[in-house]
Protein backbone atom coordinates (compact mmCIF):
# COMPACT_ATOMS: atom_id res chain seq x y z
CA UNK A 1 -94.74 180.66 -126.44
CA UNK A 2 -93.11 177.54 -123.96
CA UNK A 3 -92.17 179.88 -120.94
CA UNK A 4 -96.18 180.47 -121.36
CA UNK A 5 -97.11 177.02 -121.00
CA UNK A 6 -94.66 175.76 -118.68
CA UNK A 7 -95.65 178.99 -116.17
CA UNK A 8 -99.84 178.09 -116.71
CA UNK A 9 -98.91 174.58 -115.98
CA UNK A 10 -96.66 175.76 -112.66
CA UNK A 11 -99.74 178.37 -111.86
CA UNK A 12 -102.38 175.56 -112.07
CA UNK A 13 -100.38 172.92 -110.20
CA UNK A 14 -99.82 175.37 -107.21
CA UNK A 15 -103.78 176.51 -107.33
CA UNK A 16 -105.95 173.95 -107.73
CA UNK A 17 -105.34 172.02 -104.76
CA UNK A 18 -104.79 174.83 -102.62
CA UNK A 19 -105.93 174.86 -99.28
CA UNK A 20 -108.16 178.26 -99.80
CA UNK A 21 -111.38 177.50 -101.97
CA UNK A 22 -110.75 180.79 -103.96
CA UNK A 23 -108.05 180.10 -104.81
CA UNK A 24 -108.50 176.56 -105.89
CA UNK A 25 -111.66 178.16 -108.10
CA UNK A 26 -109.06 180.28 -109.75
CA UNK A 27 -106.57 177.67 -110.60
CA UNK A 28 -109.93 175.48 -112.29
CA UNK A 29 -110.91 178.75 -114.01
CA UNK A 30 -107.47 179.27 -115.14
CA UNK A 31 -107.21 175.72 -116.71
CA UNK A 32 -110.81 175.67 -117.76
CA UNK A 33 -109.85 179.09 -119.80
CA UNK A 34 -107.07 177.76 -120.97
CA UNK A 35 -108.44 174.61 -122.67
CA UNK A 36 -111.20 176.68 -124.06
CA UNK A 37 -108.46 178.25 -125.96
CA UNK A 38 -107.12 175.37 -127.20
CA UNK A 39 -109.94 174.56 -128.36
CA UNK A 40 -110.91 177.32 -130.06
CA UNK A 41 -108.32 177.75 -131.86
CA UNK A 42 -109.00 174.17 -133.58
CA UNK A 43 -112.26 175.96 -134.36
CA UNK A 44 -110.57 178.99 -135.88
CA UNK A 45 -108.51 176.74 -138.23
CA UNK A 46 -111.37 175.56 -139.64
CA UNK A 47 -112.50 178.75 -140.95
CA UNK A 48 -109.31 180.52 -141.43
CA UNK A 49 -107.82 178.39 -144.70
CA UNK A 50 -105.60 176.36 -142.15
CA UNK A 51 -107.22 173.25 -142.45
CA UNK A 52 -108.04 174.10 -146.68
CA UNK A 53 -104.27 173.62 -147.51
CA UNK A 54 -104.28 170.79 -145.79
CA UNK A 55 -103.36 167.29 -148.38
CA UNK A 56 -106.68 165.44 -149.47
CA UNK A 57 -106.09 162.18 -147.06
CA UNK A 58 -104.44 163.33 -143.93
CA UNK A 59 -106.98 162.92 -141.34
CA UNK A 60 -105.07 165.45 -138.85
CA UNK A 61 -108.09 168.18 -139.05
CA UNK A 62 -110.34 165.11 -137.83
CA UNK A 63 -108.04 164.81 -135.12
CA UNK A 64 -107.90 168.03 -134.07
CA UNK A 65 -111.58 168.64 -134.14
CA UNK A 66 -112.41 165.09 -132.41
CA UNK A 67 -109.37 166.71 -129.75
CA UNK A 68 -111.33 169.99 -129.56
CA UNK A 69 -114.26 168.04 -128.84
CA UNK A 70 -113.09 166.26 -126.06
CA UNK A 71 -110.95 169.34 -124.07
CA UNK A 72 -113.93 171.75 -124.52
CA UNK A 73 -115.87 169.08 -122.34
CA UNK A 74 -112.88 168.89 -120.38
CA UNK A 75 -113.31 172.60 -119.68
CA UNK A 76 -117.11 172.22 -119.09
CA UNK A 77 -116.58 169.61 -116.47
CA UNK A 78 -113.49 171.87 -114.87
CA UNK A 79 -115.99 175.07 -114.59
CA UNK A 80 -118.48 172.54 -112.98
CA UNK A 81 -116.45 171.45 -110.77
CA UNK A 82 -115.98 175.26 -109.23
CA UNK A 83 -119.19 175.25 -107.02
CA UNK A 84 -117.72 172.29 -105.23
CA UNK A 85 -115.25 174.04 -103.91
CA UNK A 86 -116.75 176.59 -101.96
CA UNK A 87 -118.79 173.57 -100.74
CA UNK A 88 -115.47 172.00 -99.07
CA UNK A 89 -113.80 172.75 -95.85
CA UNK A 90 -110.56 174.41 -96.17
CA UNK A 91 -108.03 171.96 -95.06
CA UNK A 92 -103.94 171.26 -95.58
CA UNK A 93 -103.14 168.56 -97.64
CA UNK A 94 -100.25 166.40 -96.86
CA UNK A 95 -97.52 167.18 -98.98
CA UNK A 96 -96.86 163.08 -99.75
CA UNK A 97 -99.39 160.77 -100.41
CA UNK A 98 -101.17 158.24 -98.16
CA UNK A 99 -103.39 155.43 -97.70
CA UNK A 100 -106.26 158.08 -97.26
CA UNK A 101 -105.91 161.43 -99.78
CA UNK A 102 -103.18 162.08 -102.61
CA UNK A 103 -100.47 164.31 -101.27
CA UNK A 104 -99.43 168.14 -102.86
CA UNK A 105 -96.90 166.59 -105.21
CA UNK A 106 -99.20 163.89 -107.02
CA UNK A 107 -102.06 166.31 -107.32
CA UNK A 108 -99.54 169.24 -108.41
CA UNK A 109 -97.44 166.49 -110.82
CA UNK A 110 -100.90 165.38 -112.21
CA UNK A 111 -102.46 169.05 -112.69
CA UNK A 112 -99.34 170.11 -114.23
CA UNK A 113 -98.75 167.32 -116.51
CA UNK A 114 -102.22 167.15 -117.97
CA UNK A 115 -101.93 171.15 -118.94
CA UNK A 116 -98.87 169.87 -120.48
CA UNK A 117 -99.89 166.80 -122.47
CA UNK A 118 -103.23 168.73 -124.27
CA UNK A 119 -100.79 171.74 -125.05
CA UNK A 120 -98.10 169.49 -126.59
CA UNK A 121 -100.63 167.39 -128.23
CA UNK A 122 -102.55 170.21 -129.85
CA UNK A 123 -99.63 171.80 -131.02
CA UNK A 124 -97.63 169.14 -132.25
CA UNK A 125 -100.47 168.29 -134.26
CA UNK A 126 -100.95 171.95 -135.88
CA UNK A 127 -96.75 171.32 -136.39
CA UNK A 128 -97.87 168.47 -138.87
CA UNK A 129 -99.83 170.33 -140.78
CA UNK A 130 -98.44 173.40 -141.38
CA UNK A 131 -96.44 174.37 -144.25
CA UNK A 132 -92.19 174.50 -144.01
CA UNK A 133 -91.49 177.77 -144.64
CA UNK A 134 -94.95 178.90 -142.32
CA UNK A 135 -93.45 181.52 -140.62
CA UNK A 136 -94.92 180.68 -136.97
CA UNK A 137 -94.17 176.66 -137.51
CA UNK A 138 -90.62 177.06 -135.74
CA UNK A 139 -91.63 178.64 -132.99
CA UNK A 140 -94.81 176.00 -132.89
CA UNK A 141 -92.33 173.46 -132.99
CA UNK A 142 -89.69 174.59 -130.76
CA UNK A 143 -92.32 174.42 -127.90
CA UNK A 144 -93.77 171.41 -128.48
CA UNK A 145 -90.14 169.98 -128.32
CA UNK A 146 -89.78 171.99 -125.15
CA UNK A 147 -93.07 170.71 -123.90
CA UNK A 148 -92.47 167.45 -124.28
CA UNK A 149 -89.20 167.29 -122.77
CA UNK A 150 -90.78 168.54 -119.37
CA UNK A 151 -93.69 166.02 -120.00
CA UNK A 152 -90.86 163.02 -120.27
CA UNK A 153 -89.28 164.76 -116.77
CA UNK A 154 -92.34 164.68 -114.97
CA UNK A 155 -93.61 161.27 -115.67
CA UNK A 156 -90.86 160.00 -114.60
CA UNK A 157 -91.20 162.04 -110.89
CA UNK A 158 -94.72 160.96 -111.02
CA UNK A 159 -94.11 157.27 -111.48
CA UNK A 160 -90.93 157.70 -108.23
CA UNK A 161 -93.95 158.98 -106.36
CA UNK A 162 -96.57 156.49 -107.35
CA UNK A 163 -93.79 153.23 -106.30
CA UNK A 164 -92.23 155.05 -103.08
CA UNK A 165 -95.39 156.27 -101.29
CA UNK A 166 -98.39 154.56 -100.46
CA UNK A 167 -101.72 155.91 -101.98
CA UNK A 168 -105.56 155.54 -101.54
CA UNK A 169 -106.47 152.06 -102.54
CA UNK A 170 -107.71 151.91 -106.51
CA UNK A 171 -109.31 149.24 -108.71
CA UNK A 172 -106.40 147.12 -110.67
CA UNK A 173 -107.96 148.68 -114.23
CA UNK A 174 -107.23 151.81 -112.43
CA UNK A 175 -103.96 151.17 -111.56
CA UNK A 176 -103.39 149.42 -114.65
CA UNK A 177 -104.76 152.94 -116.72
CA UNK A 178 -102.20 154.93 -114.66
CA UNK A 179 -99.42 152.90 -116.01
CA UNK A 180 -100.07 152.47 -118.81
CA UNK A 181 -100.58 155.89 -119.42
CA UNK A 182 -97.06 156.40 -117.92
CA UNK A 183 -95.82 154.11 -120.57
CA UNK A 184 -97.77 155.99 -123.62
CA UNK A 185 -95.98 159.30 -122.15
CA UNK A 186 -92.72 157.98 -122.07
CA UNK A 187 -92.63 156.23 -125.70
CA UNK A 188 -94.29 159.43 -127.18
CA UNK A 189 -91.35 161.44 -125.71
CA UNK A 190 -88.45 159.04 -126.58
CA UNK A 191 -89.79 159.11 -130.52
CA UNK A 192 -90.06 162.56 -130.33
CA UNK A 193 -86.50 162.48 -129.46
CA UNK A 194 -85.66 160.21 -131.85
CA UNK A 195 -87.14 162.47 -134.40
CA UNK A 196 -85.43 165.80 -133.26
CA UNK A 197 -82.34 166.83 -135.81
CA UNK A 198 -80.44 168.59 -132.53
CA UNK A 199 -80.62 168.39 -128.36
CA UNK A 200 -84.23 169.65 -127.00
CA UNK A 201 -83.52 172.95 -124.97
CA UNK A 202 -85.67 172.77 -121.96
CA UNK A 203 -84.91 175.32 -119.10
CA UNK A 204 -81.13 175.69 -119.45
CA UNK A 205 -80.95 171.74 -120.09
CA UNK A 206 -80.54 170.41 -123.07
CA UNK A 207 -82.10 166.90 -124.08
CA UNK A 208 -80.07 164.91 -126.56
CA UNK A 209 -81.70 163.72 -129.28
CA UNK A 210 -81.79 159.81 -129.83
CA UNK A 211 -80.58 157.75 -132.88
CA UNK A 212 -82.81 157.84 -136.01
CA UNK A 213 -85.43 155.03 -136.09
CA UNK A 214 -87.69 154.34 -138.83
CA UNK A 215 -90.42 153.50 -136.46
CA UNK A 216 -90.25 156.56 -134.87
CA UNK A 217 -92.26 158.84 -136.95
CA UNK A 218 -95.36 156.89 -137.07
CA UNK A 219 -95.46 155.96 -133.79
CA UNK A 220 -95.02 159.62 -133.15
CA UNK A 221 -97.11 161.45 -135.50
CA UNK A 222 -99.90 158.81 -135.80
CA UNK A 223 -100.40 155.57 -133.57
CA UNK A 224 -99.10 156.81 -129.71
CA UNK A 225 -100.91 160.41 -130.58
CA UNK A 226 -104.40 158.15 -131.26
CA UNK A 227 -103.65 155.82 -128.49
CA UNK A 228 -103.77 158.82 -125.83
CA UNK A 229 -106.46 160.46 -127.68
CA UNK A 230 -108.37 157.33 -127.14
CA UNK A 231 -107.03 157.11 -123.25
CA UNK A 232 -107.94 161.04 -122.97
CA UNK A 233 -111.51 159.99 -123.85
CA UNK A 234 -111.64 157.23 -122.00
CA UNK A 235 -110.62 159.05 -118.83
CA UNK A 236 -113.35 161.99 -119.35
CA UNK A 237 -115.71 159.35 -118.95
CA UNK A 238 -114.66 158.78 -115.54
CA UNK A 239 -113.09 162.63 -115.22
CA UNK A 240 -116.13 163.50 -112.43
CA UNK A 241 -114.76 161.40 -110.15
CA UNK A 242 -111.50 161.90 -111.07
CA UNK A 243 -111.97 165.58 -110.41
CA UNK A 244 -113.47 164.97 -107.09
CA UNK A 245 -110.67 162.97 -105.63
CA UNK A 246 -107.86 165.33 -106.95
CA UNK A 247 -109.70 168.01 -105.75
CA UNK A 248 -110.56 167.39 -102.21
């Protein structure tokens, strides 16, 4: 499962900003399809008994349903962006950022990270409600941790690219929002490593788990996911503008 999501993120990163319209459209379709499947998995959990086994008072099913609605909305927006791909002039983008355009590296990191964040968030919420003896829990948890490690590394790559290269001017709130997102992603990854009981494998490497901390569990499983969910909702408010900027 880990290889599937990492491969999906790579495909989306390479295609959604490709030179030719048909490749960009296929990348947007792949991203929208993956988001649709994630949203549908939550819908199925409402009917197959998965949520019925969750203890009373656990708000995770509610959070998952809210997330499914937001992911579904994001998928619809991506689908609506596809016709625009064929109205754009095919052009080769610069590899690095300039003052007038985002480069291929930034765009690829953006879409690859977004794919992995959505997958990790959804899988992590499912892990928290699955019984310890559920046969699929171990695979879900391993996938969640590996994707979290990839997000951790990609976030530093995104920050480095933003710091060392110029980029198109953005408003102060948007600029602050970007770095708030980076901080949240790093904090979520760090608290996740603190919860891990063994090194986290990632593409042949091992990310070390951090010393246990009593704040790690509530932060990783409740506080930070809630803030990320709110930030994702706020991001969707400006998604049409964001999609236009990152896709042209």
